[in-house]
Protein backbone atom coordinates (compact mmCIF):
# COMPACT_ATOMS: atom_id res chain seq x y z
CA UNK A 1 -20.30 30.63 10.71
CA UNK A 2 -17.87 27.75 10.17
CA UNK A 3 -14.20 28.25 10.37
CA UNK A 4 -12.06 26.14 7.90
CA UNK A 5 -8.25 25.66 8.69
CA UNK A 6 -5.96 25.84 5.65
CA UNK A 7 -3.11 23.42 6.27
CA UNK A 8 0.20 24.62 4.77
CA UNK A 9 2.51 21.81 3.68
CA UNK A 10 5.57 21.33 5.68
CA UNK A 11 9.01 22.39 4.65
CA UNK A 12 10.16 18.92 3.74
CA UNK A 13 7.07 18.52 1.41
CA UNK A 14 7.81 21.98 -0.13
CA UNK A 15 11.50 21.14 -0.66
CA UNK A 16 10.64 17.72 -2.16
CA UNK A 17 8.00 19.19 -4.46
CA UNK A 18 10.49 21.79 -5.63
CA UNK A 19 13.02 19.23 -6.74
CA UNK A 20 10.56 16.84 -8.29
CA UNK A 21 9.11 19.70 -10.33
CA UNK A 22 12.67 20.76 -11.34
CA UNK A 23 13.76 17.39 -12.48
CA UNK A 24 10.48 17.04 -14.48
CA UNK A 25 11.14 20.23 -16.37
CA UNK A 26 14.77 19.41 -17.13
CA UNK A 27 15.88 19.18 -20.64
CA UNK A 28 19.76 19.66 -20.80
CA UNK A 29 20.08 18.38 -17.21
CA UNK A 30 18.70 14.95 -18.01
CA UNK A 31 21.45 14.45 -20.55
CA UNK A 32 24.10 15.69 -18.03
CA UNK A 33 22.71 13.25 -15.45
CA UNK A 34 22.98 10.39 -17.86
CA UNK A 35 26.60 11.20 -18.47
CA UNK A 36 27.28 11.46 -14.70
CA UNK A 37 25.81 8.13 -14.16
CA UNK A 38 27.70 6.47 -16.98
CA UNK A 39 30.91 8.01 -15.65
CA UNK A 40 30.21 6.68 -12.16
CA UNK A 41 29.52 3.11 -13.59
CA UNK A 42 32.80 3.17 -15.37
CA UNK A 43 34.69 4.55 -12.42
CA UNK A 44 33.23 2.11 -9.75
CA UNK A 45 32.62 -0.83 -11.96
CA UNK A 46 35.11 -1.14 -14.60
CA UNK A 47 38.16 0.28 -12.84
CA UNK A 48 37.40 -1.90 -9.79
CA UNK A 49 37.81 -5.00 -11.87
CA UNK A 50 41.19 -4.04 -13.30
CA UNK A 51 42.95 -2.03 -10.60
CA UNK A 52 41.48 -3.09 -7.09
CA UNK A 53 42.06 -6.78 -6.47
CA UNK A 54 40.82 -8.63 -3.51
CA UNK A 55 43.89 -8.21 -1.24
CA UNK A 56 42.46 -9.65 1.91
CA UNK A 57 40.77 -12.61 -0.06
CA UNK A 58 43.90 -13.70 -1.78
CA UNK A 59 46.38 -13.36 1.21
CA UNK A 60 44.26 -14.75 4.00
CA UNK A 61 42.11 -17.92 4.03
CA UNK A 62 39.83 -17.29 7.15
CA UNK A 63 37.89 -14.23 8.44
CA UNK A 64 39.84 -14.39 11.73
CA UNK A 65 43.18 -13.87 9.89
CA UNK A 66 41.75 -11.05 7.76
CA UNK A 67 40.36 -9.46 10.90
CA UNK A 68 43.65 -9.73 12.70
CA UNK A 69 45.50 -8.22 9.86
CA UNK A 70 43.17 -5.29 9.65
CA UNK A 71 43.30 -4.68 13.30
CA UNK A 72 47.10 -4.71 13.26
CA UNK A 73 47.14 -2.19 10.39
CA UNK A 74 44.98 0.38 12.12
CA UNK A 75 46.39 0.19 15.49
CA UNK A 76 50.07 0.28 14.69
CA UNK A 77 51.46 3.99 14.20
CA UNK A 78 52.43 4.97 10.74
CA UNK A 79 56.19 4.86 9.84
CA UNK A 80 57.98 8.14 10.68
CA UNK A 81 55.76 9.16 13.58
CA UNK A 82 57.52 9.46 16.86
CA UNK A 83 55.11 8.54 19.74
CA UNK A 84 55.14 11.05 22.66
CA UNK A 85 53.97 10.71 26.15
CA UNK A 86 51.42 13.33 26.08
CA UNK A 87 49.68 12.10 22.97
CA UNK A 88 50.55 15.16 21.00
CA UNK A 89 52.37 14.95 17.60
CA UNK A 90 55.71 16.31 16.77
């Protein structure tokens, strides 16, 4: 007699099929996803144009100057913090 092994799908395949099947059967969810995507496009696309200007590009002409400025900003302590000898904060 011949034995046949039934191979069960892995956990990753099972989870992937679960989500694919769920997205296929969605009705209200599709509309909600469209609203979410439109909001993200507005938030990151449109607002970036009006509120987030290219600070480094307008203030510095070379990449070296930009890198020096960023390095200086991230390595200097913030205002109001008192450095201690042991590294702990007050």
